[in-house]
Amino acid sequence: MGRYSAEIHGSPDADMSSTFRNLCRSSPWKWTILRFEYLDRPGKADATVRAWLRRPGALRLETVDGALLHSTTGINDSRDGLYLGSKRKSWLLPAHLVTPVYDSAGLVRRRPEAAYGEPSFGNGRLAAALDPVELAGNAPVPMEFPESNRVSFGAIREVDHEGRPALETIATPGSSYVAADAATPLCFPGRTLLRVDSGTGVCVSSQSLDGDTTGHGHWMRILGVDEYMLDDLFLAESMNLTDVRKHISWDIGPRA
C-alpha cells in the first residue's frame, strides 16, 4: 500500500471544492461492478482483503491468500415479501435507474430519492467509502450559508493513487456532519486526509491526522471496474449446471 502525503498547503478553491463534493455524490452512477483490495487502518498488510462487488447487494471477500471470508447469499431470492410490505421505501428504484442533476463536468450536483445502500462486512466504513455522500450531502447548501456544509475542505489537488487519478484534500467536519456509521466515520474529529477516485467516486483512502484517532482510516486499491462477474462468486454453494455439450454416459443394467 502507498503512503499519504504529509500535508497539503494552500486555501481551498470554490470551484474545486464544488467538484470534490459532486464527485462524492456521483458513485452510484459511475459504476456497477468493482474489484478491489481494502484495508482498515491501523492494520497490518496481511489484514488486507480482496473484494468483488456487484451492485446492488452482492459482495465476496477473501484474504490475500485466497481464503473465503464472506460471500453474499440469497441474491436470487424472491422480493415478494418486501413489496407486500406496502412501504414506500420498498418501491424506490435503484440509483442507477433514476436521473440525478449533473454539473457541466458530468458529476452529480443533486441526488434524487432512490434505493441507496452498499453491502458491507465487519463495519460501516467500507459501505461509506463505496458511496461517500456523507462528505457532501445529497445537494449543495444555500450559497448564503456555506458554513452549513457537512465538511470543509482545504486545498484540493490531483494525485495518483495506486495507478489511478484521484482528488486529495484535508477535511474538517462541520456541525452538520453525520457519518453513516458513527463508529467508523470517513471524516474524523480534527483533520482528515481524504482521497476520492476520479473515475468511480469511491473514497479510496482516509487518514485521521489529529487526536486519539491519528492514523485511523482506510486504504483501498481499485483493480477493476465493470468487469463481468458470474453469480457463483456471490453464492454460498455453486449453482453450476450440467454442461450438455459433454457426453453423458448412462449405465444400463442387464436385461431381466
C-alpha atoms as a PDB file:
ATOM      1  CA  MET A   1       0.000   0.000   0.000  1.00  0.00           C
ATOM      2  CA  GLY A   2       1.202   3.521  -0.748  1.00  0.00           C
ATOM      3  CA  ARG A   3       1.752   6.356   1.689  1.00  0.00           C
ATOM      4  CA  TYR A   4      -0.192   9.511   2.292  1.00  0.00           C
ATOM      5  CA  SER A   5       1.118  12.991   1.656  1.00  0.00           C
ATOM      6  CA  ALA A   6       2.327  14.614   4.844  1.00  0.00           C
ATOM      7  CA  GLU A   7       0.473  17.890   4.318  1.00  0.00           C
ATOM      8  CA  ILE A   8      -1.411  19.976   1.769  1.00  0.00           C
ATOM      9  CA  HIS A   9      -0.852  23.721   1.951  1.00  0.00           C
ATOM     10  CA  GLY A  10      -2.949  26.500   0.481  1.00  0.00           C
ATOM     11  CA  SER A  11      -6.509  27.792   0.614  1.00  0.00           C
ATOM     12  CA  PRO A  12      -9.475  25.981  -0.913  1.00  0.00           C
ATOM     13  CA  ASP A  13     -10.756  26.944  -4.360  1.00  0.00           C
ATOM     14  CA  ALA A  14     -14.558  27.273  -4.527  1.00  0.00           C
ATOM     15  CA  ASP A  15     -14.814  25.507  -7.893  1.00  0.00           C
ATOM     16  CA  MET A  16     -12.569  22.639  -6.805  1.00  0.00           C
ATOM     17  CA  SER A  17     -14.493  22.256  -3.554  1.00  0.00           C
ATOM     18  CA  SER A  18     -17.713  22.018  -5.564  1.00  0.00           C
ATOM     19  CA  THR A  19     -16.104  19.442  -7.869  1.00  0.00           C
ATOM     20  CA  PHE A  20     -14.934  17.391  -4.890  1.00  0.00           C
ATOM     21  CA  ARG A  21     -18.412  17.391  -3.339  1.00  0.00           C
ATOM     22  CA  ASN A  22     -20.087  16.498  -6.629  1.00  0.00           C
ATOM     23  CA  LEU A  23     -17.626  13.642  -7.086  1.00  0.00           C
ATOM     24  CA  CYS A  24     -18.564  12.369  -3.619  1.00  0.00           C
ATOM     25  CA  ARG A  25     -22.225  12.281  -4.745  1.00  0.00           C
ATOM     26  CA  SER A  26     -21.546  10.501  -8.040  1.00  0.00           C
ATOM     27  CA  SER A  27     -20.562   6.938  -7.152  1.00  0.00           C
ATOM     28  CA  PRO A  28     -23.974   5.254  -7.796  1.00  0.00           C
ATOM     29  CA  TRP A  29     -23.934   6.479 -11.413  1.00  0.00           C
ATOM     30  CA  LYS A  30     -20.271   5.788 -12.194  1.00  0.00           C
ATOM     31  CA  TRP A  31     -20.036   2.013 -11.805  1.00  0.00           C
ATOM     32  CA  THR A  32     -21.966  -1.188 -11.167  1.00  0.00           C
ATOM     33  CA  ILE A  33     -19.191  -3.723 -10.575  1.00  0.00           C
ATOM     34  CA  LEU A  34     -15.949  -3.191  -8.660  1.00  0.00           C
ATOM     35  CA  ARG A  35     -12.943  -5.382  -7.870  1.00  0.00           C
ATOM     36  CA  PHE A  36     -10.617  -4.015  -5.203  1.00  0.00           C
ATOM     37  CA  GLU A  37      -8.401  -4.529  -2.153  1.00  0.00           C
ATOM     38  CA  TYR A  38      -9.330  -2.952   1.163  1.00  0.00           C
ATOM     39  CA  LEU A  39      -7.522  -2.347   4.464  1.00  0.00           C
ATOM     40  CA  ASP A  40      -8.828  -0.766   7.651  1.00  0.00           C
ATOM     41  CA  ARG A  41      -6.170   1.358   9.381  1.00  0.00           C
ATOM     42  CA  PRO A  42      -4.325   0.938  11.599  1.00  0.00           C
ATOM     43  CA  GLY A  43      -3.758  -2.560  10.340  1.00  0.00           C
ATOM     44  CA  LYS A  44      -1.030  -4.821   9.020  1.00  0.00           C
ATOM     45  CA  ALA A  45      -0.703  -5.546   5.305  1.00  0.00           C
ATOM     46  CA  ASP A  46      -1.773  -9.162   5.855  1.00  0.00           C
ATOM     47  CA  ALA A  47      -5.148  -7.854   7.076  1.00  0.00           C
ATOM     48  CA  THR A  48      -5.920  -6.650   3.537  1.00  0.00           C
ATOM     49  CA  VAL A  49      -8.989  -8.231   1.983  1.00  0.00           C
ATOM     50  CA  ARG A  50      -9.712  -8.762  -1.696  1.00  0.00           C
ATOM     51  CA  ALA A  51     -13.245  -7.938  -2.752  1.00  0.00           C
ATOM     52  CA  TRP A  52     -15.636  -8.430  -5.645  1.00  0.00           C
ATOM     53  CA  LEU A  53     -18.754  -6.261  -5.530  1.00  0.00           C
ATOM     54  CA  ARG A  54     -21.759  -6.152  -7.840  1.00  0.00           C
ATOM     55  CA  ARG A  55     -24.482  -3.655  -7.068  1.00  0.00           C
ATOM     56  CA  PRO A  56     -27.000  -3.628  -5.554  1.00  0.00           C
ATOM     57  CA  GLY A  57     -26.097  -6.233  -2.928  1.00  0.00           C
ATOM     58  CA  ALA A  58     -23.547  -8.835  -3.994  1.00  0.00           C
ATOM     59  CA  LEU A  59     -20.200  -8.936  -2.169  1.00  0.00           C
ATOM     60  CA  ARG A  60     -17.404 -11.503  -1.913  1.00  0.00           C
ATOM     61  CA  LEU A  61     -14.378 -11.073   0.366  1.00  0.00           C
ATOM     62  CA  GLU A  62     -11.203 -13.168   0.518  1.00  0.00           C
ATOM     63  CA  THR A  63      -7.906 -12.926   2.362  1.00  0.00           C
ATOM     64  CA  VAL A  64      -4.788 -12.200   0.325  1.00  0.00           C
ATOM     65  CA  ASP A  65      -4.113 -15.959   0.486  1.00  0.00           C
ATOM     66  CA  GLY A  66      -7.466 -16.731  -1.140  1.00  0.00           C
ATOM     67  CA  ALA A  67      -9.376 -17.928   1.935  1.00  0.00           C
ATOM     68  CA  LEU A  68     -13.074 -17.044   1.750  1.00  0.00           C
ATOM     69  CA  LEU A  69     -14.210 -14.582   4.431  1.00  0.00           C
ATOM     70  CA  HIS A  70     -17.684 -13.706   3.202  1.00  0.00           C
ATOM     71  CA  SER A  71     -19.915 -14.389   0.228  1.00  0.00           C
ATOM     72  CA  THR A  72     -23.370 -12.952  -0.271  1.00  0.00           C
ATOM     73  CA  THR A  73     -26.232 -15.425  -0.080  1.00  0.00           C
ATOM     74  CA  GLY A  74     -29.749 -15.049  -1.383  1.00  0.00           C
ATOM     75  CA  ILE A  75     -29.007 -12.732  -4.318  1.00  0.00           C
ATOM     76  CA  ASN A  76     -31.648 -14.573  -6.339  1.00  0.00           C
ATOM     77  CA  ASP A  77     -34.253 -14.733  -3.569  1.00  0.00           C
ATOM     78  CA  SER A  78     -37.802 -13.601  -4.321  1.00  0.00           C
ATOM     79  CA  ARG A  79     -38.612  -9.984  -3.416  1.00  0.00           C
ATOM     80  CA  ASP A  80     -42.316 -10.689  -2.895  1.00  0.00           C
ATOM     81  CA  GLY A  81     -42.170 -10.220   0.864  1.00  0.00           C
ATOM     82  CA  LEU A  82     -40.504  -6.809   0.508  1.00  0.00           C
ATOM     83  CA  TYR A  83     -43.103  -5.479  -1.905  1.00  0.00           C
ATOM     84  CA  LEU A  84     -46.058  -6.934   0.010  1.00  0.00           C
ATOM     85  CA  GLY A  85     -44.956  -4.832   2.961  1.00  0.00           C
ATOM     86  CA  SER A  86     -46.566  -1.870   1.133  1.00  0.00           C
ATOM     87  CA  LYS A  87     -43.964   0.572   2.412  1.00  0.00           C
ATOM     88  CA  ARG A  88     -42.991   3.491   0.221  1.00  0.00           C
ATOM     89  CA  LYS A  89     -39.299   2.653   0.555  1.00  0.00           C
ATOM     90  CA  SER A  90     -39.956  -0.788  -0.903  1.00  0.00           C
ATOM     91  CA  TRP A  91     -40.827   0.777  -4.234  1.00  0.00           C
ATOM     92  CA  LEU A  92     -37.828   3.069  -4.617  1.00  0.00           C
ATOM     93  CA  LEU A  93     -35.743   2.322  -7.705  1.00  0.00           C
ATOM     94  CA  PRO A  94     -32.013   1.589  -7.599  1.00  0.00           C
ATOM     95  CA  ALA A  95     -29.991   4.776  -8.024  1.00  0.00           C
ATOM     96  CA  HIS A  96     -28.679   3.903 -11.492  1.00  0.00           C
ATOM     97  CA  LEU A  97     -32.280   3.757 -12.789  1.00  0.00           C
ATOM     98  CA  VAL A  98     -33.128   7.331 -11.797  1.00  0.00           C
ATOM     99  CA  THR A  99     -31.581  10.506 -13.158  1.00  0.00           C
ATOM    100  CA  PRO A 100     -29.735  12.989 -10.932  1.00  0.00           C
ATOM    101  CA  VAL A 101     -28.940  16.618 -11.687  1.00  0.00           C
ATOM    102  CA  TYR A 102     -25.480  16.799 -13.237  1.00  0.00           C
ATOM    103  CA  ASP A 103     -22.975  19.641 -13.341  1.00  0.00           C
ATOM    104  CA  SER A 104     -21.170  20.735 -16.514  1.00  0.00           C
ATOM    105  CA  ALA A 105     -18.447  18.131 -15.909  1.00  0.00           C
ATOM    106  CA  GLY A 106     -20.907  15.243 -15.701  1.00  0.00           C
ATOM    107  CA  LEU A 107     -20.699  14.885 -11.922  1.00  0.00           C
ATOM    108  CA  VAL A 108     -23.786  14.696  -9.708  1.00  0.00           C
ATOM    109  CA  ARG A 109     -24.857  18.027  -8.250  1.00  0.00           C
ATOM    110  CA  ARG A 110     -28.160  16.869  -6.758  1.00  0.00           C
ATOM    111  CA  ARG A 111     -29.122  13.273  -5.928  1.00  0.00           C
ATOM    112  CA  PRO A 112     -32.719  12.057  -6.389  1.00  0.00           C
ATOM    113  CA  GLU A 113     -34.630   9.874  -3.975  1.00  0.00           C
ATOM    114  CA  ALA A 114     -33.636   6.268  -4.646  1.00  0.00           C
ATOM    115  CA  ALA A 115     -32.799   2.943  -3.013  1.00  0.00           C
ATOM    116  CA  TYR A 116     -29.270   3.696  -1.856  1.00  0.00           C
ATOM    117  CA  GLY A 117     -27.087   1.406   0.213  1.00  0.00           C
ATOM    118  CA  GLU A 118     -23.924  -0.630  -0.226  1.00  0.00           C
ATOM    119  CA  PRO A 119     -23.111  -4.138   1.026  1.00  0.00           C
ATOM    120  CA  SER A 120     -20.512  -4.205   3.784  1.00  0.00           C
ATOM    121  CA  PHE A 121     -18.703  -6.524   6.166  1.00  0.00           C
ATOM    122  CA  GLY A 122     -17.204  -6.004   9.614  1.00  0.00           C
ATOM    123  CA  ASN A 123     -18.078  -2.319   9.991  1.00  0.00           C
ATOM    124  CA  GLY A 124     -19.763   0.518   8.128  1.00  0.00           C
ATOM    125  CA  ARG A 125     -16.654   2.234   6.761  1.00  0.00           C
ATOM    126  CA  LEU A 126     -16.451   0.039   3.668  1.00  0.00           C
ATOM    127  CA  ALA A 127     -20.024   0.895   2.653  1.00  0.00           C
ATOM    128  CA  ALA A 128     -19.395   4.595   3.341  1.00  0.00           C
ATOM    129  CA  ALA A 129     -16.212   4.562   1.259  1.00  0.00           C
ATOM    130  CA  LEU A 130     -18.001   2.970  -1.699  1.00  0.00           C
ATOM    131  CA  ASP A 131     -20.515   5.841  -1.761  1.00  0.00           C
ATOM    132  CA  PRO A 132     -19.014   8.760   0.222  1.00  0.00           C
ATOM    133  CA  VAL A 133     -22.055  11.028   0.017  1.00  0.00           C
ATOM    134  CA  GLU A 134     -21.756  11.619   3.788  1.00  0.00           C
ATOM    135  CA  LEU A 135     -18.928  14.039   2.948  1.00  0.00           C
ATOM    136  CA  ALA A 136     -21.143  16.207   0.742  1.00  0.00           C
ATOM    137  CA  GLY A 137     -24.834  15.623   1.375  1.00  0.00           C
ATOM    138  CA  ASN A 138     -27.407  14.982  -1.353  1.00  0.00           C
ATOM    139  CA  ALA A 139     -27.339  18.550  -2.702  1.00  0.00           C
ATOM    140  CA  PRO A 140     -25.401  21.824  -2.371  1.00  0.00           C
ATOM    141  CA  VAL A 141     -26.146  24.025   0.610  1.00  0.00           C
ATOM    142  CA  PRO A 142     -27.536  27.546   0.031  1.00  0.00           C
ATOM    143  CA  MET A 143     -24.880  30.000  -1.135  1.00  0.00           C
ATOM    144  CA  GLU A 144     -25.810  32.289   1.761  1.00  0.00           C
ATOM    145  CA  PHE A 145     -24.835  29.626   4.308  1.00  0.00           C
ATOM    146  CA  PRO A 146     -21.566  27.979   3.193  1.00  0.00           C
ATOM    147  CA  GLU A 147     -20.754  27.182   6.818  1.00  0.00           C
ATOM    148  CA  SER A 148     -23.610  24.660   6.763  1.00  0.00           C
ATOM    149  CA  ASN A 149     -21.604  22.297   4.562  1.00  0.00           C
ATOM    150  CA  ARG A 150     -21.159  18.929   6.235  1.00  0.00           C
ATOM    151  CA  VAL A 151     -17.389  19.009   5.722  1.00  0.00           C
ATOM    152  CA  SER A 152     -14.998  21.860   4.902  1.00  0.00           C
ATOM    153  CA  PHE A 153     -12.038  21.239   2.617  1.00  0.00           C
ATOM    154  CA  GLY A 154      -8.559  22.661   2.421  1.00  0.00           C
ATOM    155  CA  ALA A 155      -6.654  22.949  -0.841  1.00  0.00           C
ATOM    156  CA  ILE A 156      -7.583  20.201  -3.308  1.00  0.00           C
ATOM    157  CA  ARG A 157      -5.100  18.665  -5.688  1.00  0.00           C
ATOM    158  CA  GLU A 158      -4.939  15.865  -8.252  1.00  0.00           C
ATOM    159  CA  VAL A 159      -2.820  12.877  -7.227  1.00  0.00           C
ATOM    160  CA  ASP A 160      -2.048   9.354  -8.378  1.00  0.00           C
ATOM    161  CA  HIS A 161      -3.497   6.650  -6.139  1.00  0.00           C
ATOM    162  CA  GLU A 162      -2.370   3.113  -6.943  1.00  0.00           C
ATOM    163  CA  GLY A 163      -2.149   3.958 -10.641  1.00  0.00           C
ATOM    164  CA  ARG A 164      -5.473   5.820 -10.853  1.00  0.00           C
ATOM    165  CA  PRO A 165      -6.214   9.585 -10.751  1.00  0.00           C
ATOM    166  CA  ALA A 166      -7.772  10.880  -7.541  1.00  0.00           C
ATOM    167  CA  LEU A 167      -8.532  14.140  -5.737  1.00  0.00           C
ATOM    168  CA  GLU A 168      -6.868  14.700  -2.370  1.00  0.00           C
ATOM    169  CA  THR A 169      -7.668  17.186   0.389  1.00  0.00           C
ATOM    170  CA  ILE A 170      -7.558  17.737   4.139  1.00  0.00           C
ATOM    171  CA  ALA A 171     -11.095  17.882   5.510  1.00  0.00           C
ATOM    172  CA  THR A 172     -12.615  19.104   8.764  1.00  0.00           C
ATOM    173  CA  PRO A 173     -16.125  18.039   9.850  1.00  0.00           C
ATOM    174  CA  GLY A 174     -18.763  20.709  10.403  1.00  0.00           C
ATOM    175  CA  SER A 175     -21.643  20.762  12.865  1.00  0.00           C
ATOM    176  CA  SER A 176     -23.962  19.154  10.286  1.00  0.00           C
ATOM    177  CA  TYR A 177     -21.667  16.208   9.512  1.00  0.00           C
ATOM    178  CA  VAL A 178     -23.297  12.873  10.309  1.00  0.00           C
ATOM    179  CA  ALA A 179     -21.424   9.689   9.465  1.00  0.00           C
ATOM    180  CA  ALA A 180     -23.354   6.765   8.001  1.00  0.00           C
ATOM    181  CA  ASP A 181     -21.791   4.713  10.819  1.00  0.00           C
ATOM    182  CA  ALA A 182     -20.928   6.847  13.835  1.00  0.00           C
ATOM    183  CA  ALA A 183     -18.288   4.347  14.966  1.00  0.00           C
ATOM    184  CA  THR A 184     -16.435   4.413  11.636  1.00  0.00           C
ATOM    185  CA  PRO A 185     -16.646   7.879  10.043  1.00  0.00           C
ATOM    186  CA  LEU A 186     -14.820   8.847   6.884  1.00  0.00           C
ATOM    187  CA  CYS A 187     -14.069  12.283   8.358  1.00  0.00           C
ATOM    188  CA  PHE A 188     -12.675  12.170  11.900  1.00  0.00           C
ATOM    189  CA  PRO A 189     -12.726  14.938  14.537  1.00  0.00           C
ATOM    190  CA  GLY A 190      -9.984  17.418  13.730  1.00  0.00           C
ATOM    191  CA  ARG A 191      -8.319  16.996  10.329  1.00  0.00           C
ATOM    192  CA  THR A 192      -8.641  14.035   7.990  1.00  0.00           C
ATOM    193  CA  LEU A 193      -6.659  13.426   4.809  1.00  0.00           C
ATOM    194  CA  LEU A 194      -9.025  12.146   2.123  1.00  0.00           C
ATOM    195  CA  ARG A 195      -8.668  10.787  -1.402  1.00  0.00           C
ATOM    196  CA  VAL A 196     -11.559  10.168  -3.797  1.00  0.00           C
ATOM    197  CA  ASP A 197     -11.042   8.215  -7.019  1.00  0.00           C
ATOM    198  CA  SER A 198     -11.821  10.448 -10.003  1.00  0.00           C
ATOM    199  CA  GLY A 199     -13.213   7.647 -12.166  1.00  0.00           C
ATOM    200  CA  THR A 200     -15.566   5.970  -9.679  1.00  0.00           C
ATOM    201  CA  GLY A 201     -16.333   8.500  -6.927  1.00  0.00           C
ATOM    202  CA  VAL A 202     -15.148   5.975  -4.322  1.00  0.00           C
ATOM    203  CA  CYS A 203     -13.266   7.275  -1.281  1.00  0.00           C
ATOM    204  CA  VAL A 204     -10.090   5.253  -1.678  1.00  0.00           C
ATOM    205  CA  SER A 205      -8.348   6.486   1.451  1.00  0.00           C
ATOM    206  CA  SER A 206      -8.888   8.310   4.720  1.00  0.00           C
ATOM    207  CA  GLN A 207      -6.414   9.065   7.490  1.00  0.00           C
ATOM    208  CA  SER A 208      -7.044  10.924  10.729  1.00  0.00           C
ATOM    209  CA  LEU A 209      -4.309  13.493  11.405  1.00  0.00           C
ATOM    210  CA  ASP A 210      -5.232  14.650  14.905  1.00  0.00           C
ATOM    211  CA  GLY A 211      -6.021  13.439  18.405  1.00  0.00           C
ATOM    212  CA  ASP A 212      -6.506   9.928  19.705  1.00  0.00           C
ATOM    213  CA  THR A 213      -7.601   8.675  16.265  1.00  0.00           C
ATOM    214  CA  THR A 214      -4.378   9.677  14.482  1.00  0.00           C
ATOM    215  CA  GLY A 215      -3.569   7.096  11.815  1.00  0.00           C
ATOM    216  CA  HIS A 216      -7.054   5.602  11.771  1.00  0.00           C
ATOM    217  CA  GLY A 217      -8.916   5.284   8.485  1.00  0.00           C
ATOM    218  CA  HIS A 218      -8.742   3.011   5.456  1.00  0.00           C
ATOM    219  CA  TRP A 219      -6.888   2.314   2.217  1.00  0.00           C
ATOM    220  CA  MET A 220      -8.329   0.887  -0.985  1.00  0.00           C
ATOM    221  CA  ARG A 221      -6.759  -0.249  -4.260  1.00  0.00           C
ATOM    222  CA  ILE A 222      -9.166  -0.442  -7.225  1.00  0.00           C
ATOM    223  CA  LEU A 223      -8.263  -3.354  -9.507  1.00  0.00           C
ATOM    224  CA  GLY A 224     -11.128  -3.443 -11.984  1.00  0.00           C
ATOM    225  CA  VAL A 225     -14.307  -1.554 -12.865  1.00  0.00           C
ATOM    226  CA  ASP A 226     -17.440  -3.018 -14.509  1.00  0.00           C
ATOM    227  CA  GLU A 227     -15.879  -6.384 -15.277  1.00  0.00           C
ATOM    228  CA  TYR A 228     -18.265  -9.290 -15.895  1.00  0.00           C
ATOM    229  CA  MET A 229     -18.816 -11.442 -12.795  1.00  0.00           C
ATOM    230  CA  LEU A 230     -20.681 -14.742 -12.510  1.00  0.00           C
ATOM    231  CA  ASP A 231     -23.340 -15.339  -9.855  1.00  0.00           C
ATOM    232  CA  ASP A 232     -21.167 -18.174  -8.473  1.00  0.00           C
ATOM    233  CA  LEU A 233     -18.836 -15.586  -6.936  1.00  0.00           C
ATOM    234  CA  PHE A 234     -21.578 -14.443  -4.586  1.00  0.00           C
ATOM    235  CA  LEU A 235     -23.234 -17.702  -3.555  1.00  0.00           C
ATOM    236  CA  ALA A 236     -22.512 -19.998  -0.632  1.00  0.00           C
ATOM    237  CA  GLU A 237     -22.694 -23.003  -2.965  1.00  0.00           C
ATOM    238  CA  SER A 238     -22.001 -23.175  -6.685  1.00  0.00           C
ATOM    239  CA  MET A 239     -25.003 -23.269  -8.992  1.00  0.00           C
ATOM    240  CA  ASN A 240     -23.036 -24.901 -11.818  1.00  0.00           C
ATOM    241  CA  LEU A 241     -25.355 -26.890 -14.067  1.00  0.00           C
ATOM    242  CA  THR A 242     -24.504 -29.877 -16.217  1.00  0.00           C
ATOM    243  CA  ASP A 243     -22.651 -28.917 -19.385  1.00  0.00           C
ATOM    244  CA  VAL A 244     -24.871 -30.555 -22.013  1.00  0.00           C
ATOM    245  CA  ARG A 245     -22.137 -30.264 -24.624  1.00  0.00           C
ATOM    246  CA  LYS A 246     -20.238 -33.068 -22.892  1.00  0.00           C
ATOM    247  CA  HIS A 247     -21.081 -36.717 -23.402  1.00  0.00           C
ATOM    248  CA  ILE A 248     -23.082 -38.154 -20.511  1.00  0.00           C
ATOM    249  CA  SER A 249     -22.708 -41.905 -20.071  1.00  0.00           C
ATOM    250  CA  TRP A 250     -25.662 -43.988 -18.929  1.00  0.00           C
ATOM    251  CA  ASP A 251     -25.108 -47.234 -17.085  1.00  0.00           C
ATOM    252  CA  ILE A 252     -27.678 -49.740 -18.343  1.00  0.00           C
ATOM    253  CA  GLY A 253     -28.036 -52.877 -16.320  1.00  0.00           C
ATOM    254  CA  PRO A 254     -28.548 -56.348 -17.811  1.00  0.00           C
ATOM    255  CA  ARG A 255     -31.967 -57.196 -19.146  1.00  0.00           C
ATOM    256  CA  ALA A 256     -34.192 -59.274 -16.905  1.00  0.00           C
END
